[in-house]
């Protein structure tokens, strides 16, 4: 029989554990309730309530301040800085961002689904785990007294503007900080070594961090972008950690708490100052492997990287024709759903508001870029464009009785249209065989 004192101790521990679990869930839900587009009044209300009030006043050895960064809309200026301990005590920067990709500011319902232990929303917009989860993690580290500089960036989702502003300030110019840890990556296994195919941290640093975390994390060279990418010329080791959200930037986004809470505990117990530093700030190294954004489609290296690695036509051919059959990201499903969406651009996202816009840029000649490669000579290419230029197309039925048919104009009535007459990329590639020859 269990002794009464032993039982009471066990019951007290279980009670404290359950209370903390409920508290963690409540705090996460409070963050995710705010849909916070950059500069929107809801984002500003969130910052005023949770940062500019008295939230941190009782934590000893803590300083909080804002800089003068000003996004193009909104009244509230400033990236938010919290220093735990003195600067000399830590060479670590922790990073998250306050804005989300909600199309409008909203106070949304957030549900914890008991069957799979994920957060969801019914707002029709994204959940905001990107990067509400990063904010929660950093608050937890601050409450635990983990020393370091914590930066809650503004305007990350519209191009990393807040961190771009910081990179031009004197803050990191003295070389004091050795590592920047962002909490802004999907899924539950990645320590990012490259962002948009540019190296941001060393393999030795990644291996050391993964080993000390003890949760099975692995180096991942397919990162897209977060604020730490703007510091790679100033800080040696800059990375991005998986925080357990899936389906980011879509109405199907979920946040896994079975991963999140143990992840928080491992972060709190890690000796950050003991991590290896192997890369030198400013070193340039590139990957040709591409990267993942918010869906499961891999994107080829951006133009600036392709230029650096002497990317050639053969690389384009290889990229476009090879399939990544062994890619676990493509096989991985969404936590709490049957399959993560494979769309390149997900729901409720404005293309112009996404970071790394160059990844979706059109060629210098619009949709015609590369068409000349399909023809034997330039005259044939010019003739094709003359006959198929969408800007010169008309419909005979739209002519008034007084108008006459113009010469040298192609009428839509006289040609076979593809199913979607507005999809000009498909229009120009219709009639091309598997070897890229016109038929």
Protein backbone atom coordinates (compact mmCIF):
# COMPACT_ATOMS: atom_id res chain seq x y z
CA UNK A 1 0.00 0.00 0.00
CA UNK A 2 1.24 3.50 -0.87
CA UNK A 3 2.01 5.63 2.15
CA UNK A 4 -0.18 8.68 2.61
CA UNK A 5 2.72 11.16 2.44
CA UNK A 6 4.03 9.62 -0.79
CA UNK A 7 0.56 9.78 -2.31
CA UNK A 8 0.09 13.41 -1.28
CA UNK A 9 3.41 14.38 -2.82
CA UNK A 10 2.45 12.59 -6.04
CA UNK A 11 -0.99 14.26 -6.06
CA UNK A 12 0.54 17.71 -5.48
CA UNK A 13 3.01 17.21 -8.33
CA UNK A 14 0.25 16.04 -10.66
CA UNK A 15 -1.92 18.99 -9.65
CA UNK A 16 0.88 21.48 -10.29
CA UNK A 17 1.65 19.82 -13.63
CA UNK A 18 -1.99 19.95 -14.78
CA UNK A 19 -2.31 23.55 -13.65
CA UNK A 20 0.81 24.53 -15.64
CA UNK A 21 -0.47 22.64 -18.68
CA UNK A 22 -3.76 24.52 -18.59
CA UNK A 23 -1.88 27.80 -18.11
CA UNK A 24 0.33 27.10 -21.14
CA UNK A 25 -2.73 26.35 -23.30
CA UNK A 26 -4.49 29.50 -22.11
CA UNK A 27 -1.48 31.71 -22.86
CA UNK A 28 -1.02 30.21 -26.34
CA UNK A 29 -4.70 30.76 -27.13
CA UNK A 30 -4.46 34.38 -26.01
CA UNK A 31 -1.64 35.04 -28.48
CA UNK A 32 -3.30 33.19 -31.37
CA UNK A 33 -6.58 35.06 -30.90
CA UNK A 34 -5.00 38.18 -32.40
CA UNK A 35 -4.80 38.26 -36.21
CA UNK A 36 -2.04 40.83 -36.61
CA UNK A 37 -1.20 42.13 -40.12
CA UNK A 38 1.86 44.37 -40.05
CA UNK A 39 0.98 47.86 -38.84
CA UNK A 40 -2.65 46.95 -38.26
CA UNK A 41 -4.46 48.31 -35.19
CA UNK A 42 -4.90 44.76 -33.87
CA UNK A 43 -1.14 44.20 -33.94
CA UNK A 44 -0.65 47.51 -32.14
CA UNK A 45 -3.29 46.61 -29.54
CA UNK A 46 -1.52 43.28 -28.95
CA UNK A 47 1.84 44.99 -28.44
CA UNK A 48 0.43 47.62 -26.11
CA UNK A 49 -1.34 45.01 -24.00
CA UNK A 50 1.40 42.41 -23.72
CA UNK A 51 4.63 44.39 -24.05
CA UNK A 52 4.10 48.02 -23.10
CA UNK A 53 2.06 47.46 -19.96
CA UNK A 54 3.51 46.14 -16.72
CA UNK A 55 3.90 42.56 -17.90
CA UNK A 56 7.65 42.36 -17.26
CA UNK A 57 8.07 44.81 -14.38
CA UNK A 58 8.47 42.17 -11.67
CA UNK A 59 11.20 40.17 -13.44
CA UNK A 60 14.59 41.14 -11.91
CA UNK A 61 17.49 42.04 -14.20
CA UNK A 62 15.26 42.71 -17.21
CA UNK A 63 15.29 45.75 -19.50
CA UNK A 64 12.78 46.50 -22.28
CA UNK A 65 12.99 49.17 -24.97
CA UNK A 66 11.85 50.00 -28.53
CA UNK A 67 13.76 51.47 -31.45
CA UNK A 68 12.58 54.00 -34.05
CA UNK A 69 11.57 51.55 -36.81
CA UNK A 70 8.43 52.79 -38.52
CA UNK A 71 6.41 50.66 -40.93
CA UNK A 72 4.55 52.46 -43.70
CA UNK A 73 1.24 52.14 -41.87
CA UNK A 74 0.25 52.23 -38.24
CA UNK A 75 1.07 54.63 -35.42
CA UNK A 76 3.18 52.47 -33.12
CA UNK A 77 6.90 52.60 -33.87
CA UNK A 78 9.58 50.18 -32.95
CA UNK A 79 11.01 46.68 -32.84
CA UNK A 80 10.80 45.41 -29.26
CA UNK A 81 13.94 44.45 -27.31
CA UNK A 82 14.11 42.64 -23.98
CA UNK A 83 17.49 42.08 -22.34
CA UNK A 84 17.66 39.40 -19.64
CA UNK A 85 20.82 39.88 -17.59
CA UNK A 86 23.64 42.14 -18.73
CA UNK A 87 24.97 42.16 -22.27
CA UNK A 88 28.28 40.73 -21.08
CA UNK A 89 26.45 37.70 -19.65
CA UNK A 90 25.27 36.30 -23.00
CA UNK A 91 26.30 36.17 -26.67
CA UNK A 92 22.89 34.88 -27.77
CA UNK A 93 20.07 36.66 -29.60
CA UNK A 94 16.58 35.14 -29.71
CA UNK A 95 14.22 36.15 -32.53
CA UNK A 96 10.50 36.10 -33.35
CA UNK A 97 8.09 38.52 -35.03
CA UNK A 98 4.84 40.19 -33.98
CA UNK A 99 3.00 40.33 -37.34
CA UNK A 100 1.03 37.59 -39.12
CA UNK A 101 -0.27 37.16 -42.68
CA UNK A 102 -3.94 37.70 -41.80
CA UNK A 103 -5.59 39.64 -44.62
CA UNK A 104 -7.31 41.83 -42.03
CA UNK A 105 -6.94 42.45 -38.32
CA UNK A 106 -9.21 40.09 -36.41
CA UNK A 107 -9.94 38.70 -32.94
CA UNK A 108 -10.52 35.07 -33.82
CA UNK A 109 -11.75 31.93 -32.11
CA UNK A 110 -9.01 29.42 -31.29
CA UNK A 111 -9.78 25.80 -30.45
CA UNK A 112 -7.67 23.01 -28.98
CA UNK A 113 -8.73 19.83 -30.76
CA UNK A 114 -8.57 16.96 -28.24
CA UNK A 115 -8.29 14.16 -30.80
CA UNK A 116 -4.92 15.34 -32.13
CA UNK A 117 -3.86 18.06 -29.65
CA UNK A 118 -3.52 20.89 -32.16
CA UNK A 119 -4.80 24.46 -32.17
CA UNK A 120 -7.10 25.53 -35.01
CA UNK A 121 -9.24 28.53 -35.86
CA UNK A 122 -12.57 28.90 -37.68
CA UNK A 123 -11.88 32.48 -38.81
CA UNK A 124 -11.26 31.49 -42.43
CA UNK A 125 -7.81 33.02 -42.12
CA UNK A 126 -4.54 31.61 -40.83
CA UNK A 127 -4.07 30.52 -37.23
CA UNK A 128 -0.99 32.69 -36.70
CA UNK A 129 1.35 30.06 -35.25
CA UNK A 130 3.74 31.82 -37.61
CA UNK A 131 4.86 33.50 -35.48
CA UNK A 132 2.62 33.61 -32.40
CA UNK A 133 4.31 30.41 -31.29
CA UNK A 134 7.72 32.06 -31.48
CA UNK A 135 6.44 34.88 -29.24
CA UNK A 136 5.15 32.37 -26.67
CA UNK A 137 8.45 30.46 -26.65
CA UNK A 138 10.46 33.63 -26.07
CA UNK A 139 8.16 34.70 -23.24
CA UNK A 140 8.68 31.30 -21.63
CA UNK A 141 12.47 31.65 -21.87
CA UNK A 142 12.28 35.15 -20.41
CA UNK A 143 10.12 33.94 -17.50
CA UNK A 144 12.65 31.16 -16.87
CA UNK A 145 15.45 33.74 -16.66
CA UNK A 146 17.40 32.47 -19.68
CA UNK A 147 19.96 35.21 -20.34
CA UNK A 148 20.16 36.81 -23.76
CA UNK A 149 18.83 39.56 -26.01
CA UNK A 150 15.24 38.91 -27.16
CA UNK A 151 14.03 40.78 -30.25
CA UNK A 152 10.36 40.76 -31.22
CA UNK A 153 10.61 42.02 -34.80
CA UNK A 154 8.03 44.09 -36.61
CA UNK A 155 7.02 43.67 -40.27
CA UNK A 156 8.70 40.31 -40.93
CA UNK A 157 5.88 39.03 -43.13
CA UNK A 158 6.19 41.98 -45.51
CA UNK A 159 9.86 41.51 -46.27
CA UNK A 160 11.79 41.40 -42.98
CA UNK A 161 11.68 45.19 -42.72
CA UNK A 162 12.10 45.39 -38.95
CA UNK A 163 15.23 43.24 -38.92
CA UNK A 164 16.50 45.06 -42.00
CA UNK A 165 16.30 48.26 -39.95
CA UNK A 166 18.20 46.65 -37.04
CA UNK A 167 20.95 45.39 -39.36
CA UNK A 168 21.78 49.01 -40.18
CA UNK A 169 22.01 50.06 -36.53
CA UNK A 170 25.19 49.87 -34.37
CA UNK A 171 23.65 47.10 -32.21
CA UNK A 172 25.53 44.16 -33.77
CA UNK A 173 28.50 46.02 -35.24
CA UNK A 174 30.86 45.23 -32.34
CA UNK A 175 30.81 41.45 -32.99
CA UNK A 176 29.72 40.61 -29.43
CA UNK A 177 26.85 38.30 -30.37
CA UNK A 178 27.83 34.86 -31.69
CA UNK A 179 24.43 33.27 -32.42
CA UNK A 180 20.89 34.29 -33.37
CA UNK A 181 18.15 31.73 -32.77
CA UNK A 182 14.83 32.36 -34.53
CA UNK A 183 11.67 30.46 -33.60
CA UNK A 184 9.79 30.65 -36.88
CA UNK A 185 10.02 27.37 -38.81
CA UNK A 186 7.30 24.87 -39.64
CA UNK A 187 7.08 21.23 -38.51
CA UNK A 188 9.08 19.62 -35.72
CA UNK A 189 12.55 18.56 -36.82
CA UNK A 190 14.45 21.39 -38.52
CA UNK A 191 17.44 23.45 -37.53
CA UNK A 192 17.88 25.66 -40.57
CA UNK A 193 21.40 25.96 -42.07
CA UNK A 194 20.46 27.90 -45.22
CA UNK A 195 17.83 30.55 -45.90
CA UNK A 196 16.84 30.98 -49.55
CA UNK A 197 19.87 28.81 -50.40
CA UNK A 198 22.40 31.09 -48.61
CA UNK A 199 24.21 29.56 -45.64
CA UNK A 200 23.30 31.12 -42.30
CA UNK A 201 24.95 28.75 -39.80
CA UNK A 202 27.58 26.02 -39.78
CA UNK A 203 27.02 22.28 -39.74
CA UNK A 204 29.11 21.93 -36.57
CA UNK A 205 26.91 24.45 -34.76
CA UNK A 206 23.78 22.65 -35.95
CA UNK A 207 25.05 19.24 -34.85
CA UNK A 208 26.02 20.60 -31.43
CA UNK A 209 22.64 22.29 -30.96
CA UNK A 210 20.70 19.19 -32.05
CA UNK A 211 22.71 16.94 -29.72
CA UNK A 212 22.19 19.21 -26.72
CA UNK A 213 18.44 19.55 -27.43
CA UNK A 214 18.05 15.77 -27.48
CA UNK A 215 14.80 15.80 -29.49
CA UNK A 216 15.97 14.40 -32.80
CA UNK A 217 16.35 17.68 -34.68
CA UNK A 218 18.34 17.64 -37.92
CA UNK A 219 20.15 20.11 -40.14
CA UNK A 220 17.83 21.46 -42.85
CA UNK A 221 19.23 23.44 -45.80
CA UNK A 222 15.80 24.25 -47.30
CA UNK A 223 14.84 27.26 -45.17
CA UNK A 224 13.12 30.20 -46.84
CA UNK A 225 13.35 33.41 -44.79
CA UNK A 226 13.05 34.76 -41.31
CA UNK A 227 14.59 37.77 -39.59
CA UNK A 228 17.82 36.03 -38.61
CA UNK A 229 18.75 35.95 -42.33
CA UNK A 230 19.32 39.70 -42.17
CA UNK A 231 22.07 39.26 -39.57
CA UNK A 232 24.36 36.75 -41.30
CA UNK A 233 26.95 39.45 -42.08
CA UNK A 234 26.97 40.53 -38.42
CA UNK A 235 26.44 37.35 -36.37
CA UNK A 236 28.31 34.10 -37.00
CA UNK A 237 25.61 31.48 -36.38
CA UNK A 238 22.07 32.43 -37.45
CA UNK A 239 19.38 29.75 -37.60
CA UNK A 240 15.65 29.07 -37.46
CA UNK A 241 14.07 26.36 -35.28
CA UNK A 242 10.96 24.26 -36.04
CA UNK A 243 8.22 25.27 -33.59
CA UNK A 244 5.50 22.81 -34.56
CA UNK A 245 3.10 24.67 -36.83
CA UNK A 246 1.87 23.22 -40.13
CA UNK A 247 0.07 24.68 -43.13
CA UNK A 248 1.36 28.20 -42.43
CA UNK A 249 -0.23 31.14 -44.24
CA UNK A 250 -3.40 29.16 -44.87
CA UNK A 251 -6.78 28.69 -43.21
CA UNK A 252 -5.70 25.08 -42.54
CA UNK A 253 -2.81 26.06 -40.27
CA UNK A 254 -2.43 24.05 -37.06
CA UNK A 255 -0.11 24.20 -34.07
CA UNK A 256 1.03 20.96 -32.45
CA UNK A 257 1.28 21.20 -28.64
CA UNK A 258 2.55 17.64 -28.10
CA UNK A 259 5.81 18.86 -29.63
CA UNK A 260 5.69 22.45 -28.38
CA UNK A 261 5.70 21.96 -24.61
CA UNK A 262 8.63 19.48 -24.44
CA UNK A 263 10.44 21.71 -26.96
CA UNK A 264 10.02 24.67 -24.59
CA UNK A 265 11.40 22.62 -21.69
CA UNK A 266 14.48 21.58 -23.69
CA UNK A 267 15.15 25.19 -24.69
CA UNK A 268 14.93 26.38 -21.09
CA UNK A 269 17.43 23.76 -19.92
CA UNK A 270 19.97 24.30 -22.72
CA UNK A 271 23.32 25.95 -21.99
CA UNK A 272 23.24 28.43 -24.87
CA UNK A 273 26.65 29.94 -24.20
CA UNK A 274 28.37 26.56 -24.56
CA UNK A 275 27.34 26.10 -28.22
CA UNK A 276 30.07 25.74 -30.84
CA UNK A 277 30.79 28.71 -33.13
CA UNK A 278 32.36 27.60 -36.42
CA UNK A 279 31.12 30.00 -39.10
CA UNK A 280 32.51 33.54 -39.46
CA UNK A 281 30.05 36.40 -39.79
CA UNK A 282 29.91 37.51 -43.41
CA UNK A 283 31.13 34.22 -44.93
CA UNK A 284 29.29 33.40 -48.16
CA UNK A 285 28.29 29.88 -49.16
CA UNK A 286 25.36 28.78 -51.31
CA UNK A 287 23.24 25.71 -51.93
CA UNK A 288 21.75 24.60 -55.23
CA UNK A 289 19.17 22.35 -53.50
CA UNK A 290 16.32 24.89 -53.43
CA UNK A 291 14.12 25.60 -50.46
CA UNK A 292 10.59 25.26 -49.10
CA UNK A 293 8.29 28.15 -48.35
CA UNK A 294 4.91 27.49 -46.77
CA UNK A 295 3.63 24.54 -48.80
CA UNK A 296 5.29 21.31 -49.92
CA UNK A 297 6.62 22.56 -53.26
CA UNK A 298 10.35 23.17 -53.41
CA UNK A 299 11.44 26.46 -55.01
CA UNK A 300 14.61 26.76 -57.09
CA UNK A 301 17.36 29.06 -55.76
CA UNK A 302 16.55 32.78 -56.12
CA UNK A 303 18.11 34.73 -58.97
CA UNK A 304 20.89 36.29 -56.87
CA UNK A 305 22.02 32.82 -55.71
CA UNK A 306 21.80 31.33 -59.21
CA UNK A 307 24.13 34.10 -60.38
CA UNK A 308 26.65 33.35 -57.62
CA UNK A 309 26.79 29.61 -58.36
CA UNK A 310 26.94 30.01 -62.17
CA UNK A 311 23.54 28.40 -62.67
CA UNK A 312 23.16 27.28 -66.31
CA UNK A 313 20.41 26.11 -68.65
CA UNK A 314 21.23 22.51 -67.77
CA UNK A 315 20.47 23.27 -64.11
CA UNK A 316 17.06 24.61 -65.09
CA UNK A 317 16.40 21.50 -67.17
CA UNK A 318 17.49 19.20 -64.34
CA UNK A 319 15.42 21.13 -61.80
CA UNK A 320 12.28 21.10 -63.92
CA UNK A 321 12.46 17.42 -64.89
CA UNK A 322 13.71 15.65 -61.78
CA UNK A 323 11.40 14.50 -58.98
CA UNK A 324 12.44 14.43 -55.35
CA UNK A 325 11.06 11.00 -54.60
CA UNK A 326 13.03 10.71 -51.35
CA UNK A 327 11.96 14.07 -49.95
CA UNK A 328 10.36 13.62 -46.52
CA UNK A 329 8.81 17.09 -46.60
CA UNK A 330 6.63 16.03 -49.54
CA UNK A 331 5.55 12.88 -47.73
CA UNK A 332 4.84 14.60 -44.42
CA UNK A 333 1.23 15.29 -43.61
CA UNK A 334 -0.23 18.09 -41.56
CA UNK A 335 -0.59 17.36 -37.89
CA UNK A 336 -4.36 17.01 -37.45
CA UNK A 337 -5.14 16.80 -41.16
CA UNK A 338 -4.79 14.25 -43.91
CA UNK A 339 -2.35 16.11 -46.14
CA UNK A 340 -0.56 19.44 -46.22
CA UNK A 341 -1.55 21.57 -49.19
CA UNK A 342 0.85 21.48 -52.10
CA UNK A 343 -0.09 24.89 -53.42
CA UNK A 344 2.75 27.39 -53.82
CA UNK A 345 0.66 30.33 -52.64
CA UNK A 346 -1.83 29.49 -49.91
CA UNK A 347 -5.14 30.99 -48.84
CA UNK A 348 -5.51 34.54 -47.51
CA UNK A 349 -2.07 35.62 -48.64
CA UNK A 350 -1.27 38.61 -50.84
CA UNK A 351 1.66 37.75 -53.10
CA UNK A 352 3.12 41.23 -52.74
CA UNK A 353 3.10 40.93 -48.96
CA UNK A 354 5.26 37.82 -48.84
CA UNK A 355 9.00 37.98 -48.11
CA UNK A 356 11.48 37.09 -50.86
CA UNK A 357 9.22 38.37 -53.61
CA UNK A 358 11.96 37.70 -56.16
CA UNK A 359 11.12 34.01 -55.94
CA UNK A 360 7.87 34.71 -57.80
CA UNK A 361 9.20 37.40 -60.12
CA UNK A 362 8.54 37.25 -63.85
CA UNK A 363 11.33 37.38 -66.37
CA UNK A 364 12.55 40.69 -67.74
CA UNK A 365 10.42 40.22 -70.83
CA UNK A 366 7.29 39.21 -68.92
CA UNK A 367 5.81 35.81 -69.70
CA UNK A 368 7.85 35.59 -72.92
CA UNK A 369 11.12 34.79 -71.13
CA UNK A 370 12.60 31.58 -72.45
CA UNK A 371 10.17 31.21 -75.38
CA UNK A 372 12.89 32.02 -77.89
CA UNK A 373 14.63 28.78 -76.93
CA UNK A 374 11.72 26.84 -78.47
CA UNK A 375 12.25 28.19 -81.99
CA UNK A 376 14.88 27.54 -84.63
CA UNK A 377 15.46 31.20 -85.47
CA UNK A 378 14.51 34.65 -84.25
CA UNK A 379 12.19 35.40 -87.19
CA UNK A 380 10.08 32.35 -86.35
CA UNK A 381 9.89 33.49 -82.72
CA UNK A 382 8.84 37.03 -83.77
CA UNK A 383 6.19 35.60 -86.08
CA UNK A 384 4.81 33.46 -83.27
CA UNK A 385 4.55 36.45 -80.95
CA UNK A 386 2.91 38.57 -83.66
CA UNK A 387 0.21 35.97 -84.16
CA UNK A 388 -0.32 35.22 -80.48
CA UNK A 389 0.18 38.53 -78.70
CA UNK A 390 -2.71 38.78 -76.20
CA UNK A 391 -2.57 42.57 -76.33
CA UNK A 392 -3.60 42.51 -80.02
CA UNK A 393 -6.49 40.07 -79.76
CA UNK A 394 -10.08 41.14 -80.41
CA UNK A 395 -13.44 39.49 -80.98
CA UNK A 396 -15.25 40.16 -84.25
CA UNK A 397 -18.63 40.17 -82.54
CA UNK A 398 -17.58 43.21 -80.49
CA UNK A 399 -17.10 45.38 -83.59
CA UNK A 400 -19.76 48.01 -84.14
CA UNK A 401 -21.59 48.19 -87.47
CA UNK A 402 -19.51 51.21 -88.46
CA UNK A 403 -16.16 49.58 -87.69
CA UNK A 404 -14.28 47.47 -90.17
CA UNK A 405 -11.98 44.60 -89.49
CA UNK A 406 -8.44 45.87 -88.96
CA UNK A 407 -5.53 44.45 -90.88
CA UNK A 408 -2.77 42.56 -89.05
CA UNK A 409 -4.99 41.87 -86.03
CA UNK A 410 -5.65 38.33 -84.82
CA UNK A 411 -9.30 37.77 -83.85
CA UNK A 412 -10.15 35.39 -81.04
CA UNK A 413 -12.92 33.93 -83.19
CA UNK A 414 -10.37 32.61 -85.67
CA UNK A 415 -8.12 30.66 -83.28
CA UNK A 416 -8.51 27.77 -80.88
CA UNK A 417 -8.33 29.09 -77.33
CA UNK A 418 -7.03 27.05 -74.43
CA UNK A 419 -9.48 26.29 -71.64
CA UNK A 420 -8.41 29.36 -69.66
CA UNK A 421 -7.87 32.23 -72.06
CA UNK A 422 -6.35 34.38 -69.33
CA UNK A 423 -3.65 31.91 -68.32
CA UNK A 424 -1.01 33.09 -70.77
CA UNK A 425 1.73 30.87 -69.37
CA UNK A 426 -0.38 27.82 -70.32
CA UNK A 427 -1.23 29.48 -73.64
CA UNK A 428 2.41 29.81 -74.65
CA UNK A 429 3.32 26.30 -73.56
CA UNK A 430 0.31 24.53 -75.13
CA UNK A 431 1.52 22.55 -78.11
CA UNK A 432 4.96 21.67 -76.73
CA UNK A 433 5.99 18.07 -76.38
CA UNK A 434 7.97 16.41 -73.60
CA UNK A 435 11.27 17.43 -75.24
CA UNK A 436 10.26 21.09 -75.34
CA UNK A 437 9.67 21.07 -79.12
CA UNK A 438 6.76 22.82 -80.80
CA UNK A 439 4.14 20.48 -82.28
